[in-house]
Amino acid sequence: MKNSDSKHGGPDRGQGRKPLDPQSATVSFPVKMSIEQREKLKRLGGATWVRKKIDVAKEPTHE
């Protein structure tokens, strides 16, 4: 039996993961990789590490 006064679960406001930056929209981008690559990515810092690498990477030049 579920208690209706419970603070757990349900479709209340504020549920779910909070945005990284409330001013910017975010998207998911699935990437295929090997199990070994996934484990290394976790050790490197996961999504936070990837976002930092993207932010500091230079744009390619087109000739």
N, C-alpha and C. Protein backbone atom coordinates (compact mmCIF):
# COMPACT_ATOMS: atom_id res chain seq x y z
N MET A 1 0.84 -1.17 0.00
CA MET A 1 0.00 0.00 0.00
C MET A 1 0.89 1.24 0.00
N LYS A 2 0.60 2.20 -0.88
CA LYS A 2 1.40 3.40 -0.99
C LYS A 2 0.78 4.52 -0.17
N ASN A 3 1.59 5.20 0.59
CA ASN A 3 1.15 6.32 1.40
C ASN A 3 1.09 7.56 0.52
N SER A 4 -0.06 8.24 0.44
CA SER A 4 -0.22 9.40 -0.42
C SER A 4 0.55 10.61 0.09
N ASP A 5 1.01 10.58 1.34
CA ASP A 5 1.80 11.67 1.89
C ASP A 5 3.30 11.46 1.69
N SER A 6 3.66 10.40 1.00
CA SER A 6 5.07 10.07 0.78
C SER A 6 5.74 11.15 -0.06
N LYS A 7 7.00 11.43 0.22
CA LYS A 7 7.77 12.41 -0.55
C LYS A 7 8.58 11.73 -1.66
N HIS A 8 8.37 10.46 -1.88
CA HIS A 8 9.14 9.71 -2.87
C HIS A 8 8.30 9.42 -4.10
N GLY A 9 8.89 9.61 -5.28
CA GLY A 9 8.25 9.25 -6.53
C GLY A 9 7.11 10.18 -6.91
N GLY A 10 6.49 9.87 -8.00
CA GLY A 10 5.36 10.65 -8.45
C GLY A 10 5.73 11.75 -9.43
N PRO A 11 4.72 12.31 -10.10
CA PRO A 11 4.96 13.30 -11.15
C PRO A 11 5.03 14.74 -10.65
N ASP A 12 5.51 14.96 -9.45
CA ASP A 12 5.58 16.31 -8.90
C ASP A 12 6.59 17.17 -9.63
N ARG A 13 6.44 18.47 -9.53
CA ARG A 13 7.41 19.39 -10.12
C ARG A 13 8.76 19.22 -9.46
N GLY A 14 9.81 19.49 -10.23
CA GLY A 14 11.16 19.40 -9.69
C GLY A 14 11.76 18.01 -9.74
N GLN A 15 11.05 17.07 -10.32
CA GLN A 15 11.57 15.71 -10.41
C GLN A 15 12.59 15.63 -11.54
N GLY A 16 13.48 14.69 -11.44
CA GLY A 16 14.45 14.43 -12.51
C GLY A 16 15.75 15.18 -12.35
N ARG A 17 16.65 14.90 -13.28
CA ARG A 17 17.99 15.51 -13.26
C ARG A 17 17.89 17.00 -13.57
N LYS A 18 18.61 17.79 -12.82
CA LYS A 18 18.61 19.23 -13.03
C LYS A 18 19.50 19.57 -14.23
N PRO A 19 19.19 20.65 -14.96
CA PRO A 19 20.00 21.02 -16.13
C PRO A 19 21.40 21.46 -15.73
N LEU A 20 22.36 21.25 -16.62
CA LEU A 20 23.74 21.68 -16.38
C LEU A 20 23.80 23.20 -16.28
N ASP A 21 23.12 23.86 -17.19
CA ASP A 21 23.07 25.31 -17.24
C ASP A 21 21.63 25.69 -17.54
N PRO A 22 20.93 26.29 -16.59
CA PRO A 22 19.52 26.61 -16.80
C PRO A 22 19.27 27.51 -18.01
N GLN A 23 20.30 28.24 -18.46
CA GLN A 23 20.14 29.16 -19.58
C GLN A 23 20.30 28.48 -20.94
N SER A 24 20.87 27.28 -20.97
CA SER A 24 21.15 26.61 -22.23
C SER A 24 20.41 25.28 -22.31
N ALA A 25 19.89 25.00 -23.49
CA ALA A 25 19.26 23.70 -23.73
C ALA A 25 20.35 22.64 -23.87
N THR A 26 20.07 21.43 -23.43
CA THR A 26 21.03 20.34 -23.57
C THR A 26 20.39 19.22 -24.38
N VAL A 27 21.24 18.39 -24.99
CA VAL A 27 20.77 17.25 -25.78
C VAL A 27 21.59 16.03 -25.39
N SER A 28 21.02 14.88 -25.62
CA SER A 28 21.75 13.62 -25.45
C SER A 28 22.36 13.24 -26.78
N PHE A 29 23.53 12.63 -26.74
CA PHE A 29 24.22 12.22 -27.96
C PHE A 29 24.84 10.85 -27.73
N PRO A 30 24.13 9.78 -28.08
CA PRO A 30 24.66 8.44 -27.87
C PRO A 30 25.89 8.18 -28.75
N VAL A 31 26.87 7.52 -28.18
CA VAL A 31 28.09 7.20 -28.90
C VAL A 31 28.39 5.72 -28.70
N LYS A 32 28.66 5.02 -29.79
CA LYS A 32 29.04 3.60 -29.68
C LYS A 32 30.53 3.52 -29.38
N MET A 33 30.88 2.65 -28.43
CA MET A 33 32.27 2.43 -28.07
C MET A 33 32.40 1.04 -27.47
N SER A 34 33.62 0.59 -27.35
CA SER A 34 33.87 -0.72 -26.76
C SER A 34 33.70 -0.63 -25.24
N ILE A 35 33.58 -1.77 -24.60
CA ILE A 35 33.48 -1.81 -23.14
C ILE A 35 34.72 -1.20 -22.51
N GLU A 36 35.89 -1.50 -23.08
CA GLU A 36 37.13 -0.94 -22.55
C GLU A 36 37.14 0.58 -22.66
N GLN A 37 36.65 1.11 -23.78
CA GLN A 37 36.60 2.56 -23.95
C GLN A 37 35.62 3.18 -22.95
N ARG A 38 34.51 2.53 -22.71
CA ARG A 38 33.53 3.04 -21.76
C ARG A 38 34.12 3.09 -20.35
N GLU A 39 34.84 2.06 -19.97
CA GLU A 39 35.47 2.03 -18.66
C GLU A 39 36.52 3.13 -18.53
N LYS A 40 37.30 3.34 -19.59
CA LYS A 40 38.30 4.40 -19.57
C LYS A 40 37.62 5.76 -19.47
N LEU A 41 36.55 5.96 -20.21
CA LEU A 41 35.81 7.22 -20.16
C LEU A 41 35.31 7.49 -18.74
N LYS A 42 34.82 6.48 -18.06
CA LYS A 42 34.39 6.65 -16.67
C LYS A 42 35.56 7.11 -15.80
N ARG A 43 36.74 6.48 -15.99
CA ARG A 43 37.92 6.85 -15.20
C ARG A 43 38.37 8.28 -15.49
N LEU A 44 38.22 8.70 -16.74
CA LEU A 44 38.63 10.05 -17.13
C LEU A 44 37.69 11.13 -16.61
N GLY A 45 36.47 10.77 -16.29
CA GLY A 45 35.54 11.76 -15.75
C GLY A 45 34.19 11.78 -16.44
N GLY A 46 33.97 10.86 -17.35
CA GLY A 46 32.66 10.72 -17.97
C GLY A 46 32.23 11.94 -18.77
N ALA A 47 30.95 12.26 -18.70
CA ALA A 47 30.36 13.33 -19.50
C ALA A 47 30.99 14.68 -19.20
N THR A 48 31.35 14.92 -17.95
CA THR A 48 31.98 16.19 -17.59
C THR A 48 33.30 16.35 -18.33
N TRP A 49 34.09 15.29 -18.40
CA TRP A 49 35.36 15.31 -19.11
C TRP A 49 35.14 15.57 -20.60
N VAL A 50 34.15 14.91 -21.19
CA VAL A 50 33.86 15.09 -22.62
C VAL A 50 33.47 16.54 -22.89
N ARG A 51 32.58 17.10 -22.07
CA ARG A 51 32.15 18.49 -22.28
C ARG A 51 33.33 19.45 -22.20
N LYS A 52 34.23 19.25 -21.24
CA LYS A 52 35.40 20.13 -21.12
C LYS A 52 36.30 20.01 -22.34
N LYS A 53 36.49 18.79 -22.83
CA LYS A 53 37.33 18.59 -24.02
C LYS A 53 36.72 19.28 -25.24
N ILE A 54 35.41 19.21 -25.39
CA ILE A 54 34.74 19.88 -26.51
C ILE A 54 34.92 21.39 -26.39
N ASP A 55 34.76 21.92 -25.19
CA ASP A 55 34.85 23.36 -24.98
C ASP A 55 36.23 23.92 -25.32
N VAL A 56 37.30 23.17 -25.03
CA VAL A 56 38.66 23.69 -25.28
C VAL A 56 39.20 23.30 -26.65
N ALA A 57 38.53 22.41 -27.37
CA ALA A 57 39.02 21.98 -28.69
C ALA A 57 38.91 23.11 -29.71
N LYS A 58 39.92 23.20 -30.56
CA LYS A 58 39.89 24.19 -31.63
C LYS A 58 39.00 23.68 -32.76
N GLU A 59 38.30 24.59 -33.38
CA GLU A 59 37.46 24.24 -34.54
C GLU A 59 38.36 23.90 -35.73
N PRO A 60 37.97 22.91 -36.55
CA PRO A 60 38.76 22.60 -37.73
C PRO A 60 38.66 23.75 -38.75
N THR A 61 39.76 23.96 -39.46
CA THR A 61 39.75 24.99 -40.50
C THR A 61 39.37 24.34 -41.82
N HIS A 62 38.55 25.04 -42.57
CA HIS A 62 38.11 24.52 -43.89
C HIS A 62 38.75 25.37 -44.97
N GLU A 63 39.37 24.71 -45.91
CA GLU A 63 40.04 25.43 -47.01
C GLU A 63 39.23 25.42 -48.24
